[in-house]
């Protein structure tokens, strides 16, 4: 395990996803999950990874043992989290302090009370004893060769109630040898101007090296973190994707991107910023949460443009409607085609999809009108790129892309006496001059249709065996009520290497589903490079 990186020690990016981030509702990390996330964070290039509280639970104790044996950290130092010694005890004899040493971590973060009411009501000790607890624990761990960071819990609320005592805790930590003292907005109630004012004052009054730990209860955690940096903090604590208790913590990725791209601070190893989108999505997969599409910098919609006015400007210069080049953070610009689309949107989308529109303004005009006409009926192409590409190619080539001709299909749902249901589908189609009839069962009528279509086609197009339906959404469109309503279906399909979405609209949910399934298979064959003429 390394405790240094190619970056100097003047500014720290400290990640606490594995401890504070794991407190988010819905996240329950196994040791294997924590090891996987630690690898991703080290690959990203953060300086410190807080792994949890060894000795407090078996899972964190196991994680520290395995992390040091199984991970060759290239950039990050592994950090153990714990508390100052108990009141009236000696740090050298406190079992939980000893557990921090036994974790083998070279860096230790201690949480300390800095709010006088918390000292008296939660710790049930005196203000002076709390200062002694901080100083004694820091001094002991430093004597054992550890770097020590001190988290001043509830600092900003404590500062508001008793500023002199809050600063006394900072001094006690710094004078005992703490490398950094972190001011924690534990309740997340502060605003940027308040953070900046307090950090500036504490820095001037104590001379300690300060860090910031901001919760997001006001929606200001990233802004509060940057405000602290403006005031002189040189250590930022964040979590991947903003995971954390209640509404979360300062989001690692916008903070790092702002520091690198807006502040000009070198806080990651060379080239690692371009890995940010990949790392964000990879961690989301490990914790089993869908990546936020609208997350700054790394969301799939972060550089997505829909309005025709924007598209016209972007065609001239992408910087006119983008604050950075998305490639700097490993993301891409996307053009969304909808009923707002103009010629520029279609031209840019065609370029993005690799469809050469040349200078044929007539084709572009037809595509624009076709999209507007179909979106009036309920189709949505901004969420179904694959269906749009098939429409675009049909207009460019003068005919729809066809690998097969459907003769008929049907789906049957049988209600059985025992309360169960049987779902069966039959598909009749023609492919490469051969008439094929296939029947399949499924756990629903759409699943049965999907299977029947694959059974029919896989004999001729074995490439379809890789396809898997991964998401299915149904929406009843406005304007008509109840079972007579028009229905829109969006289907997401993967071949293991990529994912695409298709759309179908009909008065019948099964018919709408069939349209989306047919497009999904057609696009899958196109993506696999199959020539429809063969």
Protein backbone atom coordinates (compact mmCIF):
# COMPACT_ATOMS: atom_id res chain seq x y z
CA UNK A 1 0.00 0.00 0.00
CA UNK A 2 1.33 3.43 -0.91
CA UNK A 3 0.83 6.54 1.18
CA UNK A 4 2.08 8.96 -1.43
CA UNK A 5 1.15 9.85 -4.98
CA UNK A 6 2.68 11.81 -7.82
CA UNK A 7 0.82 14.85 -6.44
CA UNK A 8 2.27 16.98 -3.65
CA UNK A 9 0.68 17.27 -0.21
CA UNK A 10 -0.51 20.85 -0.54
CA UNK A 11 -4.09 19.90 -1.42
CA UNK A 12 -6.04 16.76 -0.48
CA UNK A 13 -8.95 15.07 -2.21
CA UNK A 14 -10.35 12.76 0.46
CA UNK A 15 -13.09 10.27 -0.39
CA UNK A 16 -15.44 8.88 2.26
CA UNK A 17 -17.80 6.86 0.06
CA UNK A 18 -17.00 3.63 1.90
CA UNK A 19 -17.91 5.12 5.27
CA UNK A 20 -20.16 8.18 5.06
CA UNK A 21 -21.49 7.38 1.59
CA UNK A 22 -22.47 3.89 2.75
CA UNK A 23 -24.93 5.47 5.19
CA UNK A 24 -27.26 6.37 2.33
CA UNK A 25 -30.65 4.69 2.50
CA UNK A 26 -30.69 1.80 0.04
CA UNK A 27 -26.93 1.17 0.07
CA UNK A 28 -25.66 -1.94 1.84
CA UNK A 29 -22.09 -2.69 0.86
CA UNK A 30 -20.49 -6.10 1.19
CA UNK A 31 -16.74 -6.41 1.69
CA UNK A 32 -16.46 -7.34 -2.00
CA UNK A 33 -18.39 -4.17 -2.92
CA UNK A 34 -16.08 -2.04 -0.80
CA UNK A 35 -12.99 -3.57 -2.37
CA UNK A 36 -14.38 -2.93 -5.87
CA UNK A 37 -15.20 0.71 -5.07
CA UNK A 38 -11.78 1.22 -3.48
CA UNK A 39 -10.13 0.02 -6.69
CA UNK A 40 -12.22 2.44 -8.76
CA UNK A 41 -11.41 5.38 -6.47
CA UNK A 42 -7.70 4.58 -6.51
CA UNK A 43 -7.84 4.31 -10.29
CA UNK A 44 -9.49 7.75 -10.39
CA UNK A 45 -6.59 9.15 -8.39
CA UNK A 46 -8.04 10.46 -5.12
CA UNK A 47 -5.43 10.97 -2.43
CA UNK A 48 -7.23 9.30 0.47
CA UNK A 49 -9.89 6.59 0.74
CA UNK A 50 -11.66 6.33 4.09
CA UNK A 51 -12.52 2.67 4.35
CA UNK A 52 -14.70 2.55 7.46
CA UNK A 53 -14.42 2.03 11.21
CA UNK A 54 -12.24 -1.02 11.98
CA UNK A 55 -13.15 -2.64 15.26
CA UNK A 56 -16.66 -1.19 15.20
CA UNK A 57 -18.04 -4.00 13.01
CA UNK A 58 -16.60 -7.22 11.51
CA UNK A 59 -17.21 -6.12 7.94
CA UNK A 60 -14.98 -3.04 8.20
CA UNK A 61 -12.32 -4.98 10.08
CA UNK A 62 -12.28 -7.58 7.29
CA UNK A 63 -12.20 -4.88 4.63
CA UNK A 64 -8.99 -3.33 6.02
CA UNK A 65 -7.28 -6.71 6.24
CA UNK A 66 -8.26 -7.67 2.68
CA UNK A 67 -7.68 -4.24 1.12
CA UNK A 68 -4.07 -4.20 2.23
CA UNK A 69 -3.51 -7.78 1.08
CA UNK A 70 -5.43 -7.63 -2.20
CA UNK A 71 -5.16 -4.06 -3.54
CA UNK A 72 -1.95 -2.52 -4.80
CA UNK A 73 -2.89 1.12 -4.26
CA UNK A 74 -1.28 3.30 -6.92
CA UNK A 75 -2.52 6.73 -5.84
CA UNK A 76 -4.54 6.61 -2.62
CA UNK A 77 -3.69 6.11 1.03
CA UNK A 78 -6.16 3.95 2.96
CA UNK A 79 -7.70 5.74 5.94
CA UNK A 80 -9.24 4.23 9.08
CA UNK A 81 -11.99 6.13 10.88
CA UNK A 82 -12.60 6.16 14.61
CA UNK A 83 -13.29 8.35 17.63
CA UNK A 84 -11.17 10.05 20.26
CA UNK A 85 -10.58 8.06 23.44
CA UNK A 86 -13.27 7.68 26.06
CA UNK A 87 -13.59 10.24 28.83
CA UNK A 88 -11.37 9.41 31.80
CA UNK A 89 -9.33 6.81 29.92
CA UNK A 90 -5.88 6.81 28.31
CA UNK A 91 -5.64 6.72 24.53
CA UNK A 92 -2.94 4.02 24.66
CA UNK A 93 -5.32 1.75 26.58
CA UNK A 94 -8.58 2.50 24.75
CA UNK A 95 -9.71 -0.63 22.82
CA UNK A 96 -11.19 1.26 19.87
CA UNK A 97 -8.04 3.40 19.52
CA UNK A 98 -5.97 0.20 19.55
CA UNK A 99 -8.24 -1.22 16.83
CA UNK A 100 -7.37 1.76 14.63
CA UNK A 101 -3.68 0.89 14.95
CA UNK A 102 -4.34 -2.81 14.36
CA UNK A 103 -6.11 -1.98 11.09
CA UNK A 104 -2.68 -1.28 9.60
CA UNK A 105 -3.87 1.97 8.01
CA UNK A 106 -1.18 4.60 7.78
CA UNK A 107 -3.70 7.43 8.05
CA UNK A 108 -6.37 7.76 10.74
CA UNK A 109 -9.34 10.12 10.91
CA UNK A 110 -10.66 10.87 14.37
CA UNK A 111 -14.12 12.28 14.92
CA UNK A 112 -14.18 14.83 17.75
CA UNK A 113 -16.98 16.83 19.32
CA UNK A 114 -16.69 20.57 18.70
CA UNK A 115 -20.19 21.64 19.77
CA UNK A 116 -20.33 22.33 23.53
CA UNK A 117 -23.85 20.92 23.92
CA UNK A 118 -22.83 17.67 22.22
CA UNK A 119 -19.88 17.35 24.60
CA UNK A 120 -22.07 17.76 27.66
CA UNK A 121 -25.16 15.87 26.46
CA UNK A 122 -23.78 13.15 24.16
CA UNK A 123 -20.35 12.48 25.67
CA UNK A 124 -21.52 13.40 29.16
CA UNK A 125 -18.20 14.94 30.06
CA UNK A 126 -16.72 18.38 30.65
CA UNK A 127 -15.52 20.77 27.98
CA UNK A 128 -11.96 20.57 29.33
CA UNK A 129 -11.97 16.76 29.32
CA UNK A 130 -13.13 16.77 25.71
CA UNK A 131 -10.12 18.92 24.78
CA UNK A 132 -7.89 16.46 26.64
CA UNK A 133 -9.47 13.54 24.79
CA UNK A 134 -8.66 15.19 21.46
CA UNK A 135 -5.09 16.09 22.36
CA UNK A 136 -4.26 12.76 24.02
CA UNK A 137 -5.61 10.64 21.15
CA UNK A 138 -3.92 12.66 18.43
CA UNK A 139 -0.59 12.67 20.30
CA UNK A 140 -0.68 8.93 20.89
CA UNK A 141 -1.46 8.05 17.28
CA UNK A 142 1.22 10.44 16.02
CA UNK A 143 3.72 8.74 18.37
CA UNK A 144 2.84 5.48 16.65
CA UNK A 145 3.83 6.90 13.27
CA UNK A 146 0.37 7.59 11.89
CA UNK A 147 -0.87 10.62 9.99
CA UNK A 148 -3.90 11.98 11.80
CA UNK A 149 -6.85 13.97 10.49
CA UNK A 150 -9.46 15.28 12.94
CA UNK A 151 -13.12 15.68 11.93
CA UNK A 152 -14.71 18.39 14.09
CA UNK A 153 -18.26 17.10 14.13
CA UNK A 154 -21.10 19.69 14.12
CA UNK A 155 -18.45 22.38 13.89
CA UNK A 156 -20.53 25.11 12.27
CA UNK A 157 -23.48 24.69 14.63
CA UNK A 158 -21.00 24.59 17.51
CA UNK A 159 -19.28 27.72 16.23
CA UNK A 160 -22.59 29.55 16.12
CA UNK A 161 -23.36 28.53 19.72
CA UNK A 162 -19.90 28.98 21.23
CA UNK A 163 -17.25 30.14 18.77
CA UNK A 164 -14.40 30.24 21.27
CA UNK A 165 -14.90 26.64 22.33
CA UNK A 166 -15.23 25.42 18.74
CA UNK A 167 -11.91 27.09 17.94
CA UNK A 168 -10.37 25.62 21.10
CA UNK A 169 -11.08 22.12 19.75
CA UNK A 170 -9.32 23.03 16.49
CA UNK A 171 -6.31 24.32 18.43
CA UNK A 172 -6.19 21.22 20.64
CA UNK A 173 -6.04 18.98 17.59
CA UNK A 174 -3.49 21.10 15.73
CA UNK A 175 -1.20 21.57 18.73
CA UNK A 176 -1.20 17.80 19.37
CA UNK A 177 0.08 17.26 15.82
CA UNK A 178 -3.02 16.70 13.65
CA UNK A 179 -2.07 17.04 9.99
CA UNK A 180 -5.44 18.54 9.06
CA UNK A 181 -8.46 19.66 11.09
CA UNK A 182 -11.69 19.25 9.16
CA UNK A 183 -14.65 21.54 9.83
CA UNK A 184 -17.82 19.46 9.43
CA UNK A 185 -21.24 20.82 8.48
CA UNK A 186 -22.77 17.67 9.93
CA UNK A 187 -26.37 18.85 9.76
CA UNK A 188 -25.88 20.30 6.27
CA UNK A 189 -27.61 23.56 7.13
CA UNK A 190 -24.99 26.10 6.09
CA UNK A 191 -24.85 28.31 3.01
CA UNK A 192 -21.73 29.25 0.98
CA UNK A 193 -21.28 32.79 2.32
CA UNK A 194 -21.57 31.51 5.89
CA UNK A 195 -19.04 28.74 5.26
CA UNK A 196 -16.56 31.13 3.70
CA UNK A 197 -16.83 33.62 6.57
CA UNK A 198 -16.37 30.99 9.30
CA UNK A 199 -13.50 29.16 7.61
CA UNK A 200 -11.67 32.45 7.00
CA UNK A 201 -12.03 33.45 10.67
CA UNK A 202 -11.01 30.05 12.07
CA UNK A 203 -7.99 29.90 9.77
CA UNK A 204 -6.85 33.35 10.86
CA UNK A 205 -7.47 32.70 14.56
CA UNK A 206 -5.95 29.21 14.85
CA UNK A 207 -3.36 28.91 12.07
CA UNK A 208 -4.34 25.24 11.66
CA UNK A 209 -4.47 23.51 8.31
CA UNK A 210 -8.20 23.21 7.60
CA UNK A 211 -10.42 20.90 5.59
CA UNK A 212 -14.15 20.84 4.85
CA UNK A 213 -16.81 18.12 5.13
CA UNK A 214 -20.20 19.28 3.85
CA UNK A 215 -23.55 17.50 3.91
CA UNK A 216 -26.11 18.43 1.25
CA UNK A 217 -29.26 19.17 3.25
CA UNK A 218 -29.59 22.66 1.73
CA UNK A 219 -28.50 21.47 -1.71
CA UNK A 220 -25.29 23.47 -1.27
CA UNK A 221 -22.68 20.83 -0.35
CA UNK A 222 -20.60 21.30 -3.51
CA UNK A 223 -20.90 25.09 -3.33
CA UNK A 224 -20.08 25.02 0.38
CA UNK A 225 -17.01 22.90 -0.28
CA UNK A 226 -15.74 25.31 -2.92
CA UNK A 227 -16.52 28.29 -0.65
CA UNK A 228 -14.32 26.70 2.01
CA UNK A 229 -11.54 26.32 -0.56
CA UNK A 230 -11.94 30.00 -1.43
CA UNK A 231 -11.47 30.76 2.28
CA UNK A 232 -8.28 28.71 2.53
CA UNK A 233 -9.26 25.08 3.14
CA UNK A 234 -6.79 22.69 1.49
CA UNK A 235 -8.53 19.37 2.16
CA UNK A 236 -11.96 18.43 0.74
CA UNK A 237 -14.01 15.43 1.88
CA UNK A 238 -16.51 14.08 -0.63
CA UNK A 239 -18.37 10.94 -1.70
CA UNK A 240 -18.81 9.41 -5.15
CA UNK A 241 -22.05 10.60 -6.75
CA UNK A 242 -22.88 12.48 -3.54
CA UNK A 243 -23.96 9.33 -1.69
CA UNK A 244 -24.50 9.78 2.03
CA UNK A 245 -26.86 10.01 4.95
CA UNK A 246 -30.21 11.80 4.43
CA UNK A 247 -29.83 13.68 1.13
CA UNK A 248 -26.10 13.02 0.82
CA UNK A 249 -22.65 14.59 0.89
CA UNK A 250 -20.61 16.87 -1.32
CA UNK A 251 -20.36 15.07 -4.65
CA UNK A 252 -16.78 14.08 -5.42
CA UNK A 253 -17.08 14.50 -9.18
CA UNK A 254 -18.36 18.10 -9.50
CA UNK A 255 -15.95 19.16 -6.74
CA UNK A 256 -12.94 17.62 -8.47
CA UNK A 257 -14.01 18.90 -11.91
CA UNK A 258 -14.44 22.42 -10.54
CA UNK A 259 -11.05 22.33 -8.82
CA UNK A 260 -9.29 21.10 -11.97
CA UNK A 261 -11.19 22.99 -14.67
CA UNK A 262 -12.41 26.13 -12.94
CA UNK A 263 -9.76 26.72 -10.25
CA UNK A 264 -6.81 25.35 -12.20
CA UNK A 265 -5.72 23.14 -9.28
CA UNK A 266 -3.91 19.91 -10.09
CA UNK A 267 -5.70 17.50 -7.74
CA UNK A 268 -5.67 14.31 -9.85
CA UNK A 269 -2.86 12.46 -11.62
CA UNK A 270 -2.40 13.35 -15.27
CA UNK A 271 -5.19 12.10 -17.54
CA UNK A 272 -7.44 10.83 -14.73
CA UNK A 273 -10.10 13.53 -15.12
CA UNK A 274 -11.09 11.91 -18.43
CA UNK A 275 -11.94 8.76 -16.47
CA UNK A 276 -14.51 10.57 -14.31
CA UNK A 277 -17.71 9.61 -16.14
CA UNK A 278 -16.66 5.96 -16.34
CA UNK A 279 -15.72 5.85 -12.64
CA UNK A 280 -19.00 7.51 -11.60
CA UNK A 281 -21.09 4.99 -13.52
CA UNK A 282 -18.97 2.02 -12.41
CA UNK A 283 -19.46 2.89 -8.74
CA UNK A 284 -23.20 3.35 -9.31
CA UNK A 285 -23.29 -0.18 -10.70
CA UNK A 286 -21.49 -1.58 -7.65
CA UNK A 287 -23.93 0.03 -5.20
CA UNK A 288 -26.82 -1.05 -7.46
CA UNK A 289 -28.25 2.44 -7.98
CA UNK A 290 -29.16 3.81 -11.41
CA UNK A 291 -26.72 6.57 -12.37
CA UNK A 292 -28.34 10.00 -12.22
CA UNK A 293 -28.92 11.10 -15.80
CA UNK A 294 -28.82 14.77 -14.85
CA UNK A 295 -25.75 14.74 -12.60
CA UNK A 296 -23.34 17.58 -13.48
CA UNK A 297 -20.39 16.65 -15.67
CA UNK A 298 -20.99 12.86 -15.70
CA UNK A 299 -24.73 12.42 -16.33
CA UNK A 300 -25.80 11.24 -19.78
CA UNK A 301 -27.87 14.44 -20.05
CA UNK A 302 -25.09 16.75 -18.84
CA UNK A 303 -24.23 17.71 -22.42
CA UNK A 304 -27.51 16.82 -24.14
CA UNK A 305 -29.13 19.47 -26.33
CA UNK A 306 -32.75 19.48 -27.40
CA UNK A 307 -33.92 22.90 -28.51
CA UNK A 308 -33.50 23.80 -32.18
CA UNK A 309 -32.02 27.19 -31.25
CA UNK A 310 -29.29 25.49 -29.21
CA UNK A 311 -28.56 23.04 -32.00
CA UNK A 312 -28.13 25.84 -34.55
CA UNK A 313 -25.61 27.54 -32.28
CA UNK A 314 -23.77 24.31 -31.46
CA UNK A 315 -23.43 23.55 -35.15
CA UNK A 316 -21.40 26.76 -35.41
CA UNK A 317 -19.48 26.33 -32.14
CA UNK A 318 -20.24 23.75 -29.39
CA UNK A 319 -18.79 26.10 -26.76
CA UNK A 320 -21.72 28.47 -27.24
CA UNK A 321 -23.97 26.20 -25.14
CA UNK A 322 -21.44 24.11 -23.18
CA UNK A 323 -19.34 25.30 -20.25
CA UNK A 324 -16.58 22.75 -20.95
CA UNK A 325 -15.64 20.22 -23.61
CA UNK A 326 -17.40 17.03 -22.37
CA UNK A 327 -14.42 14.93 -23.41
CA UNK A 328 -12.43 16.57 -20.59
CA UNK A 329 -14.48 14.52 -18.11
CA UNK A 330 -14.98 11.45 -20.30
CA UNK A 331 -18.50 12.39 -21.36
CA UNK A 332 -19.96 13.14 -24.79
CA UNK A 333 -22.25 15.69 -26.34
CA UNK A 334 -25.64 14.33 -27.38
CA UNK A 335 -28.24 15.81 -29.69
CA UNK A 336 -31.83 15.03 -28.74
CA UNK A 337 -34.30 14.86 -31.57
CA UNK A 338 -37.87 15.82 -30.71
CA UNK A 339 -40.75 17.94 -31.95
CA UNK A 340 -38.53 20.92 -31.07
CA UNK A 341 -35.96 19.74 -33.61
CA UNK A 342 -34.83 21.92 -36.47
CA UNK A 343 -32.52 21.19 -39.38
CA UNK A 344 -29.40 21.73 -37.29
CA UNK A 345 -30.54 19.17 -34.68
CA UNK A 346 -31.10 16.53 -37.35
CA UNK A 347 -27.81 17.28 -39.12
CA UNK A 348 -25.84 17.08 -35.89
CA UNK A 349 -27.66 13.93 -34.78
CA UNK A 350 -26.97 12.31 -38.13
CA UNK A 351 -23.29 13.13 -37.75
CA UNK A 352 -23.30 11.70 -34.21
CA UNK A 353 -24.89 8.45 -35.48
CA UNK A 354 -22.56 8.18 -38.45
CA UNK A 355 -25.31 8.70 -41.06
CA UNK A 356 -24.09 10.88 -43.93
CA UNK A 357 -26.77 13.40 -44.85
CA UNK A 358 -24.48 15.23 -47.24
CA UNK A 359 -25.94 18.58 -48.31
CA UNK A 360 -29.39 17.16 -49.08
CA UNK A 361 -31.63 19.77 -47.49
CA UNK A 362 -34.70 17.92 -48.82
CA UNK A 363 -33.85 14.78 -46.85
CA UNK A 364 -33.19 16.79 -43.69
CA UNK A 365 -36.49 18.60 -44.14
CA UNK A 366 -38.35 15.30 -44.55
CA UNK A 367 -36.78 13.91 -41.39
CA UNK A 368 -37.73 17.03 -39.41
CA UNK A 369 -41.33 16.82 -40.58
CA UNK A 370 -41.47 13.07 -39.99
CA UNK A 371 -40.23 13.45 -36.43
CA UNK A 372 -42.73 16.22 -35.65
CA UNK A 373 -45.58 14.23 -37.20
CA UNK A 374 -44.77 11.08 -35.23
CA UNK A 375 -44.14 12.88 -31.93
CA UNK A 376 -47.63 14.39 -32.24
CA UNK A 377 -48.89 10.79 -32.21
CA UNK A 378 -46.92 10.03 -29.04
CA UNK A 379 -43.51 8.83 -30.20
CA UNK A 380 -40.46 10.19 -28.38
CA UNK A 381 -37.12 10.06 -30.15
CA UNK A 382 -34.99 11.83 -27.58
CA UNK A 383 -35.35 8.68 -25.43
CA UNK A 384 -35.13 6.23 -28.36
CA UNK A 385 -31.99 6.85 -30.38
CA UNK A 386 -32.16 3.47 -32.10
CA UNK A 387 -35.67 4.06 -33.44
CA UNK A 388 -34.62 7.51 -34.63
CA UNK A 389 -31.61 6.11 -36.46
CA UNK A 390 -33.84 3.58 -38.24
CA UNK A 391 -36.21 6.42 -39.25
CA UNK A 392 -33.26 8.54 -40.41
CA UNK A 393 -31.77 5.74 -42.50
CA UNK A 394 -35.16 5.02 -44.05
CA UNK A 395 -35.45 8.61 -45.25
CA UNK A 396 -31.86 8.73 -46.51
CA UNK A 397 -32.09 5.39 -48.35
CA UNK A 398 -35.68 5.89 -49.51
CA UNK A 399 -36.99 2.72 -47.88
CA UNK A 400 -37.15 1.16 -44.41
CA UNK A 401 -34.33 -1.09 -43.28
CA UNK A 402 -35.74 -4.63 -43.40
CA UNK A 403 -34.13 -7.90 -42.35
CA UNK A 404 -37.49 -9.69 -42.12
CA UNK A 405 -41.16 -9.23 -43.04
CA UNK A 406 -43.77 -9.95 -40.40
CA UNK A 407 -46.82 -11.85 -41.60
CA UNK A 408 -48.63 -11.86 -38.25
CA UNK A 409 -48.15 -12.19 -34.51
CA UNK A 410 -50.38 -12.92 -31.57
CA UNK A 411 -50.07 -13.13 -27.79
CA UNK A 412 -52.37 -15.15 -25.54
CA UNK A 413 -52.81 -14.85 -21.78
CA UNK A 414 -54.55 -17.82 -20.18
CA UNK A 415 -56.10 -17.47 -16.72
CA UNK A 416 -55.86 -20.88 -15.04
CA UNK A 417 -58.12 -22.23 -12.26
CA UNK A 418 -55.26 -22.26 -9.76
CA UNK A 419 -54.84 -18.50 -10.11
CA UNK A 420 -51.70 -18.65 -12.27
CA UNK A 421 -51.39 -17.33 -15.81
CA UNK A 422 -49.86 -18.80 -18.95
CA UNK A 423 -48.43 -16.44 -21.56
CA UNK A 424 -47.83 -17.69 -25.07
CA UNK A 425 -46.94 -15.91 -28.30
CA UNK A 426 -46.79 -16.99 -31.94
CA UNK A 427 -44.90 -15.12 -34.64
CA UNK A 428 -45.12 -15.74 -38.39
CA UNK A 429 -42.55 -14.01 -40.59
CA UNK A 430 -40.41 -14.21 -43.70
CA UNK A 431 -36.61 -13.92 -43.65
CA UNK A 432 -34.20 -14.59 -46.52
CA UNK A 433 -37.03 -16.12 -48.54
CA UNK A 434 -37.99 -18.56 -45.81
CA UNK A 435 -41.34 -18.58 -44.01
CA UNK A 436 -40.89 -19.18 -40.28
CA UNK A 437 -43.48 -19.87 -37.59
CA UNK A 438 -42.32 -19.79 -33.97
CA UNK A 439 -44.07 -20.11 -30.63
CA UNK A 440 -42.71 -19.33 -27.19
CA UNK A 441 -43.87 -18.89 -23.61
CA UNK A 442 -42.86 -16.10 -21.26
CA UNK A 443 -43.53 -14.58 -17.88
CA UNK A 444 -45.80 -12.03 -19.58
CA UNK A 445 -47.21 -11.44 -23.06
CA UNK A 446 -44.41 -9.05 -24.06
CA UNK A 447 -41.73 -11.44 -22.82
CA UNK A 448 -43.41 -14.24 -24.75
CA UNK A 449 -43.43 -12.11 -27.93
CA UNK A 450 -39.78 -11.22 -27.45
CA UNK A 451 -38.86 -14.89 -27.10
CA UNK A 452 -40.97 -15.97 -30.06
CA UNK A 453 -39.40 -13.32 -32.29
CA UNK A 454 -35.91 -14.46 -31.25
CA UNK A 455 -36.77 -18.14 -31.77
CA UNK A 456 -37.96 -17.29 -35.26
CA UNK A 457 -34.95 -15.21 -36.24
CA UNK A 458 -31.98 -16.75 -34.43
CA UNK A 459 -31.82 -19.67 -36.86
CA UNK A 460 -31.08 -17.22 -39.67
CA UNK A 461 -29.45 -14.42 -37.65
CA UNK A 462 -27.45 -16.04 -34.81
CA UNK A 463 -26.22 -12.54 -33.83
CA UNK A 464 -29.56 -12.02 -32.06
CA UNK A 465 -28.69 -14.65 -29.46
CA UNK A 466 -26.65 -12.00 -27.64
CA UNK A 467 -29.57 -9.60 -27.30
CA UNK A 468 -31.26 -9.12 -23.94
CA UNK A 469 -34.16 -6.86 -23.01
CA UNK A 470 -32.97 -4.88 -19.96
CA UNK A 471 -35.70 -2.29 -19.40
CA UNK A 472 -39.35 -1.86 -20.30
CA UNK A 473 -41.40 1.28 -19.67
CA UNK A 474 -45.08 1.92 -20.40
CA UNK A 475 -46.75 5.32 -20.35
CA UNK A 476 -50.41 6.17 -20.91
CA UNK A 477 -50.44 9.33 -23.00
CA UNK A 478 -52.58 12.33 -22.20
CA UNK A 479 -55.74 13.10 -24.08
CA UNK A 480 -57.73 9.89 -23.74
CA UNK A 481 -58.73 8.02 -20.61
CA UNK A 482 -58.62 4.49 -19.32
CA UNK A 483 -58.31 1.39 -21.47
CA UNK A 484 -58.95 3.37 -24.67
CA UNK A 485 -55.84 5.51 -24.16
CA UNK A 486 -52.90 5.62 -26.54
CA UNK A 487 -49.89 3.85 -25.04
CA UNK A 488 -46.18 4.49 -25.50
CA UNK A 489 -43.65 1.75 -24.81
CA UNK A 490 -39.90 2.27 -24.46
CA UNK A 491 -37.62 -0.77 -24.52
CA UNK A 492 -33.90 -0.88 -23.74
CA UNK A 493 -31.87 -3.72 -25.24
CA UNK A 494 -28.24 -4.76 -24.86
CA UNK A 495 -25.90 -7.03 -26.79
CA UNK A 496 -23.42 -7.12 -23.91
CA UNK A 497 -21.26 -4.40 -25.43
CA UNK A 498 -23.73 -1.53 -25.74
CA UNK A 499 -27.31 -0.56 -25.03
CA UNK A 500 -30.00 1.06 -27.17
CA UNK A 501 -33.61 2.16 -26.82
CA UNK A 502 -36.58 1.81 -29.14
CA UNK A 503 -40.14 3.14 -29.04
CA UNK A 504 -43.58 1.95 -30.06
CA UNK A 505 -46.96 3.73 -29.90
CA UNK A 506 -50.41 2.19 -30.32
CA UNK A 507 -53.82 2.05 -28.71
CA UNK A 508 -52.93 -1.47 -27.58
CA UNK A 509 -50.01 -1.88 -25.16
CA UNK A 510 -49.05 -5.21 -26.76
CA UNK A 511 -49.04 -3.67 -30.24
CA UNK A 512 -46.88 -0.78 -29.01
CA UNK A 513 -44.53 -3.28 -27.41
CA UNK A 514 -44.29 -5.24 -30.65
CA UNK A 515 -43.22 -2.13 -32.57
CA UNK A 516 -40.45 -1.46 -30.05
CA UNK A 517 -39.34 -5.12 -30.11
CA UNK A 518 -39.23 -5.19 -33.91
CA UNK A 519 -37.09 -2.03 -33.95
CA UNK A 520 -34.84 -3.47 -31.24
CA UNK A 521 -34.05 -6.59 -33.28
CA UNK A 522 -33.63 -4.61 -36.50
CA UNK A 523 -31.20 -2.22 -34.84
CA UNK A 524 -29.35 -5.11 -33.21
CA UNK A 525 -28.70 -6.64 -36.62
CA UNK A 526 -27.64 -3.26 -38.02
CA UNK A 527 -25.25 -2.78 -35.09
CA UNK A 528 -23.84 -6.27 -35.66
CA UNK A 529 -22.97 -5.28 -39.22
CA UNK A 530 -25.43 -7.61 -40.93
CA UNK A 531 -26.18 -6.64 -44.54
CA UNK A 532 -29.96 -6.78 -45.16
CA UNK A 533 -29.34 -7.51 -48.85
CA UNK A 534 -27.58 -10.78 -48.12
